[in-house]
Protein backbone atom coordinates (compact mmCIF):
# COMPACT_ATOMS: atom_id res chain seq x y z
CA MET A 1 0.00 0.00 0.00
CA GLY A 2 1.45 3.34 -1.01
CA SER A 3 1.03 6.45 1.12
CA SER A 4 1.24 10.18 0.59
CA ALA A 5 0.38 13.25 2.64
CA ILE A 6 -3.02 14.86 2.85
CA PHE A 7 -2.14 18.51 2.50
CA VAL A 8 -5.27 20.29 3.68
CA ILE A 9 -8.03 19.63 6.19
CA PHE A 10 -11.23 21.67 6.21
CA ALA A 11 -13.75 21.57 9.03
CA ALA A 12 -16.94 23.43 9.69
CA VAL A 13 -17.46 24.67 13.26
CA ALA A 14 -16.08 21.90 15.46
CA VAL A 15 -18.42 20.06 17.80
CA SER A 16 -18.02 21.60 21.24
CA SER A 17 -20.00 19.47 23.66
CA ALA A 18 -20.20 15.95 22.27
CA ALA A 19 -16.85 14.30 22.77
CA ALA A 20 -17.94 10.95 24.20
CA PHE A 21 -21.04 8.85 24.87
CA LEU A 22 -22.28 9.57 28.41
CA PRO A 23 -25.24 8.18 30.38
CA GLY A 24 -28.37 10.12 29.45
CA ARG A 25 -26.33 12.75 27.60
CA PRO A 26 -25.04 13.18 24.06
CA VAL A 27 -21.57 11.88 23.33
CA GLY A 28 -19.46 11.58 20.18
CA GLY A 29 -17.29 8.70 19.03
CA PRO A 30 -19.92 5.95 18.41
CA LYS A 31 -19.89 1.90 17.17
CA ILE A 32 -22.69 -0.19 15.80
CA VAL A 33 -24.84 -1.92 18.39
CA GLY A 34 -27.32 -4.56 17.23
CA GLY A 35 -25.85 -4.84 13.74
CA HIS A 36 -24.27 -7.71 11.83
CA ASP A 37 -21.31 -8.43 9.54
CA SER A 38 -21.64 -6.77 6.17
CA LYS A 39 -20.67 -8.52 2.96
CA LYS A 40 -17.29 -7.60 1.49
CA GLY A 41 -17.75 -4.85 -1.08
CA ASP A 42 -21.23 -3.79 0.09
CA PHE A 43 -19.96 -0.38 1.27
CA PRO A 44 -17.17 0.65 -1.14
CA PHE A 45 -17.48 4.31 -0.05
CA GLN A 46 -16.65 3.52 3.61
CA ILE A 47 -13.17 4.44 4.88
CA SER A 48 -11.35 3.81 8.14
CA LEU A 49 -9.52 6.79 9.68
CA GLN A 50 -6.57 5.26 11.53
CA TRP A 51 -3.95 6.58 13.98
CA SER A 52 -0.41 5.34 14.55
CA LEU A 53 2.31 6.43 16.99
CA LEU A 54 5.96 6.04 15.95
CA GLY A 55 4.93 3.92 12.98
CA LEU A 56 3.64 1.15 15.22
CA LEU A 57 0.34 -0.72 14.97
CA ARG A 58 -2.45 1.43 13.56
CA GLN A 59 -5.68 1.95 15.46
CA HIS A 60 -9.11 2.62 13.89
CA VAL A 61 -10.53 5.85 15.36
CA CYS A 62 -13.32 7.01 13.02
CA GLY A 63 -15.20 6.27 9.85
CA GLY A 64 -15.76 8.42 6.79
CA SER A 65 -17.08 8.43 3.23
CA VAL A 66 -15.44 8.73 -0.19
CA LEU A 67 -17.00 11.67 -2.10
CA ASN A 68 -14.62 11.31 -5.06
CA GLU A 69 -11.01 10.32 -5.72
CA ASN A 70 -9.70 13.33 -3.79
CA TRP A 71 -12.15 14.04 -0.98
CA ILE A 72 -13.28 12.27 2.20
CA LEU A 73 -16.20 13.40 4.39
CA THR A 74 -16.07 12.68 8.12
CA ALA A 75 -17.10 14.22 11.46
CA GLY A 76 -15.49 17.47 12.62
CA HIS A 77 -14.62 16.02 16.02
CA CYS A 78 -12.65 13.25 14.31
CA VAL A 79 -10.26 16.03 13.23
CA THR A 80 -10.36 18.41 16.19
CA GLU A 81 -10.57 16.02 19.15
CA THR A 82 -7.80 13.57 18.29
CA PRO A 83 -4.14 13.50 19.43
CA LYS A 84 -1.85 15.99 17.70
CA ILE A 85 1.07 13.58 17.86
CA GLY A 86 1.34 10.50 15.72
CA LYS A 87 0.23 9.98 12.12
CA TYR A 88 -3.21 9.57 10.60
CA TYR A 89 -4.19 7.52 7.57
CA VAL A 90 -7.30 7.25 5.45
CA VAL A 91 -7.72 3.59 4.48
CA ALA A 92 -10.17 2.87 1.65
CA GLY A 93 -11.15 -0.55 0.34
CA GLU A 94 -11.07 -1.92 3.90
CA TYR A 95 -13.34 -4.71 5.17
CA ASP A 96 -11.64 -6.78 7.87
CA LEU A 97 -9.30 -4.63 9.96
CA SER A 98 -7.35 -7.70 11.11
CA VAL A 99 -6.43 -8.91 7.62
CA LYS A 100 -4.44 -7.48 4.71
CA GLU A 101 -6.82 -8.27 1.87
CA GLY A 102 -5.04 -6.55 -1.01
CA THR A 103 -7.92 -4.15 -1.73
CA GLU A 104 -6.85 -1.47 0.77
CA GLN A 105 -5.54 1.94 -0.28
CA SER A 106 -3.78 3.90 2.46
CA ILE A 107 -3.29 7.68 2.24
CA ARG A 108 -1.46 9.61 4.97
CA VAL A 109 -3.30 12.42 6.79
CA GLY A 110 -1.28 15.45 7.75
CA VAL A 111 -2.70 16.39 10.64
CA ASN A 112 -20.70 22.61 18.46
CA PHE A 113 -23.07 21.99 16.38
CA ASN A 114 -21.73 21.67 12.87
CA ASP A 115 -19.85 18.40 13.28
CA ILE A 116 -18.50 17.90 9.78
CA ALA A 117 -15.09 17.95 8.09
CA LEU A 118 -13.56 17.41 4.65
CA LEU A 119 -10.17 15.81 4.05
CA LYS A 120 -8.43 16.46 0.74
CA LEU A 121 -5.97 13.80 -0.37
CA SER A 122 -2.65 14.84 -1.92
CA SER A 123 -2.90 11.97 -4.38
CA PRO A 124 -6.16 10.50 -5.64
CA LEU A 125 -7.62 7.15 -4.75
CA THR A 126 -7.95 4.62 -7.53
CA LEU A 127 -11.62 3.77 -7.97
CA THR A 128 -12.17 0.01 -7.96
CA ALA A 129 -14.97 -2.43 -7.13
CA THR A 130 -14.12 -1.94 -3.44
CA VAL A 131 -13.41 1.83 -3.53
CA GLN A 132 -16.30 3.91 -4.86
CA PRO A 133 -17.80 7.35 -4.13
CA ILE A 134 -21.19 7.86 -2.50
CA ALA A 135 -23.73 10.31 -3.94
CA LEU A 136 -24.67 13.47 -2.07
CA PRO A 137 -28.30 14.42 -1.35
CA LYS A 138 -30.18 17.43 -2.66
CA ALA A 139 -29.76 20.66 -0.70
CA ASN A 140 -31.86 20.76 2.50
CA GLU A 141 -33.47 17.41 1.72
CA ILE A 142 -34.92 15.81 4.89
CA PRO A 143 -34.42 12.04 5.00
CA SER A 144 -37.25 9.77 6.12
CA GLY A 145 -38.07 6.09 6.32
CA GLN A 146 -35.43 3.41 6.63
CA VAL A 147 -31.69 4.10 6.38
CA THR A 148 -28.50 2.02 6.65
CA LEU A 149 -25.50 2.53 8.93
CA SER A 150 -22.05 0.94 8.54
CA GLY A 151 -18.91 1.07 10.66
CA TRP A 152 -16.29 -0.65 12.81
CA GLY A 153 -17.53 0.86 16.07
CA SER A 154 -18.03 -0.93 19.37
CA THR A 155 -20.74 -3.56 19.58
CA ASN A 156 -20.78 -3.50 23.38
CA GLY A 157 -23.78 -1.24 23.88
CA ASN A 158 -24.53 -2.50 27.40
CA ASP A 159 -21.38 -1.01 28.93
CA ALA A 160 -22.76 1.86 31.01
CA THR A 161 -19.30 3.41 31.44
CA GLY A 162 -18.41 3.62 27.76
CA LEU A 163 -14.87 2.66 28.75
CA ASN A 164 -14.95 -0.98 27.66
CA PRO A 165 -15.60 -0.98 23.91
CA LYS A 166 -15.76 -4.29 22.06
CA LEU A 167 -14.42 -3.46 18.62
CA PRO A 168 -15.13 -5.77 15.67
CA THR A 169 -12.62 -6.31 12.90
CA VAL A 170 -15.22 -6.93 10.17
CA LEU A 171 -17.29 -3.97 8.91
CA GLN A 172 -20.72 -3.99 10.57
CA THR A 173 -24.05 -2.75 9.25
CA VAL A 174 -27.61 -2.26 10.47
CA ASP A 175 -30.86 -0.84 9.06
CA LEU A 176 -32.43 1.87 11.22
CA PRO A 177 -35.59 4.01 11.16
CA ILE A 178 -35.36 7.80 10.87
CA VAL A 179 -36.78 9.59 13.93
CA ASP A 180 -38.34 12.96 13.08
CA TYR A 181 -36.73 16.10 14.51
CA GLU A 182 -39.56 16.93 16.91
CA THR A 183 -39.46 13.47 18.49
CA CYS A 184 -35.67 13.59 18.72
CA LEU A 185 -35.75 17.04 20.35
CA ALA A 186 -38.36 15.89 22.86
CA ALA A 187 -36.12 12.94 23.76
CA TRP A 188 -32.91 14.96 24.20
CA GLY A 189 -34.32 18.28 25.39
CA SER A 190 -33.79 21.86 24.29
CA ASP A 191 -30.56 22.15 26.31
CA SER A 192 -28.88 19.46 24.19
CA PRO A 193 -26.63 20.21 21.18
CA LEU A 194 -29.39 18.98 18.84
CA ARG A 195 -30.18 21.38 15.97
CA ASP A 196 -32.26 21.22 12.81
CA THR A 197 -29.02 20.56 10.92
CA ASN A 198 -29.01 17.10 12.53
CA VAL A 199 -30.89 13.94 11.61
CA CYS A 200 -31.77 11.21 14.12
CA THR A 201 -32.34 7.45 14.04
CA GLY A 202 -34.07 4.98 16.35
CA PRO A 203 -35.40 2.56 17.16
CA MET A 204 -36.87 4.35 20.20
CA GLU A 205 -37.11 1.02 22.02
CA GLY A 206 -33.31 0.84 21.82
CA GLY A 207 -30.98 -2.04 21.04
CA GLN A 208 -29.54 -0.73 17.75
CA SER A 209 -27.33 2.32 17.27
CA PRO A 210 -23.87 3.64 16.38
CA CYS A 211 -21.29 3.58 19.20
CA GLN A 212 -17.61 4.31 19.95
CA GLY A 213 -15.57 4.05 16.73
CA ASP A 214 -18.44 4.78 14.31
CA SER A 215 -18.01 8.59 14.45
CA GLY A 216 -17.70 10.22 11.04
CA GLY A 217 -19.12 7.17 9.29
CA PRO A 218 -21.90 7.11 6.71
CA LEU A 219 -25.66 6.90 7.16
CA ILE A 220 -27.14 6.15 3.74
CA ALA A 221 -30.56 6.03 2.11
CA VAL A 222 -31.25 3.42 -0.58
CA GLY A 223 -33.61 4.41 -3.40
CA ALA A 224 -36.19 2.19 -5.06
CA ASP A 225 -33.76 1.80 -7.96
CA GLY A 226 -30.96 0.69 -5.64
CA SER A 227 -29.12 4.03 -5.74
CA ARG A 228 -27.46 5.07 -2.48
CA THR A 229 -27.19 8.57 -1.02
CA LEU A 230 -25.16 9.86 1.94
CA VAL A 231 -27.72 11.49 4.28
CA GLY A 232 -25.87 11.60 7.60
CA VAL A 233 -22.47 11.55 9.33
CA VAL A 234 -22.31 9.81 12.72
CA SER A 235 -21.97 12.52 15.38
CA TRP A 236 -23.19 11.67 18.91
CA GLY A 237 -25.47 9.53 21.04
CA SER A 238 -25.92 8.05 24.51
CA VAL A 239 -24.12 5.66 26.80
CA PRO A 240 -24.99 2.87 26.99
CA CYS A 241 -25.20 2.92 23.21
CA GLY A 242 -28.63 1.91 21.98
CA SER A 243 -30.39 3.10 25.13
CA LYS A 244 -34.18 3.10 25.13
CA GLY A 245 -35.68 6.51 24.32
CA ALA A 246 -32.32 8.00 23.24
CA PRO A 247 -32.14 8.51 19.44
CA SER A 248 -28.73 8.51 17.76
CA VAL A 249 -27.70 11.83 16.20
CA TYR A 250 -25.96 12.52 12.88
CA THR A 251 -24.88 15.63 11.00
CA ARG A 252 -27.44 16.07 8.20
CA VAL A 253 -25.37 16.20 5.01
CA SER A 254 -28.02 18.11 3.01
CA ALA A 255 -27.67 21.04 5.43
CA PHE A 256 -23.98 21.46 4.49
CA LEU A 257 -24.10 20.97 0.73
CA ASP A 258 -22.85 24.50 0.00
CA PHE A 259 -19.88 24.00 2.38
CA ILE A 260 -19.02 20.66 0.78
CA GLN A 261 -19.38 21.74 -2.84
CA ASP A 262 -17.70 25.14 -2.41
CA THR A 263 -14.76 23.62 -0.54
CA MET A 264 -14.18 20.92 -3.14
CA ALA A 265 -14.57 23.36 -6.04
CA ASN A 266 -12.18 25.96 -4.62
CA ASN A 267 -9.44 23.68 -3.33
């Protein structure tokens, strides 16, 4: 796997109050609870953002989505709330984190309410069957119905401390229902970081959600024709992950279309 430096990182206003999953409160850095192994190649737009100190073993820290050969979309707190030492890598074409499968492409990273960031790669990805871009939604489009989450986040949603994540090596996925904004706001309260630039998922009875390690990863909608659209970026949720009555919260991509398109066009 070759590597080269990412030379610019753009972030919208960094998330200020959602750095971890806490009991009854919003927290960033989620994994998938209640999901299952995906099939290899099902999510070719999914990337793993990985951290390494002194060139030693890399650690998965966040997810993200391929927008095109040069741009990755992830959560703002994946950029602003990570160690300043060490090296970061975007790894595309990944499926099982414990195995070198030959499909991976590794690119070095140089390294509130609007929890979103763009990473521009210094050299482009090569689009293959296992590395593909995801389509963006229409401006201000509000997702509804059933959506799909993918990620390598913790599956240990019953840990009330959030300090004992159980991280899978194989990419997980789960289908989730959209929870409308009013219901989500009623659940979290007006003093939470929730804004109308977010989108929420259930189920309200709990048991399925993102968790630690899923931050920045894609929430997608699948059209009747099989087309897939990036509607959300994993942002924050509760601890234990998948708690009853605590919707999971994502940055709504359609609310930041101007930021995304202008940044990519001008850089």
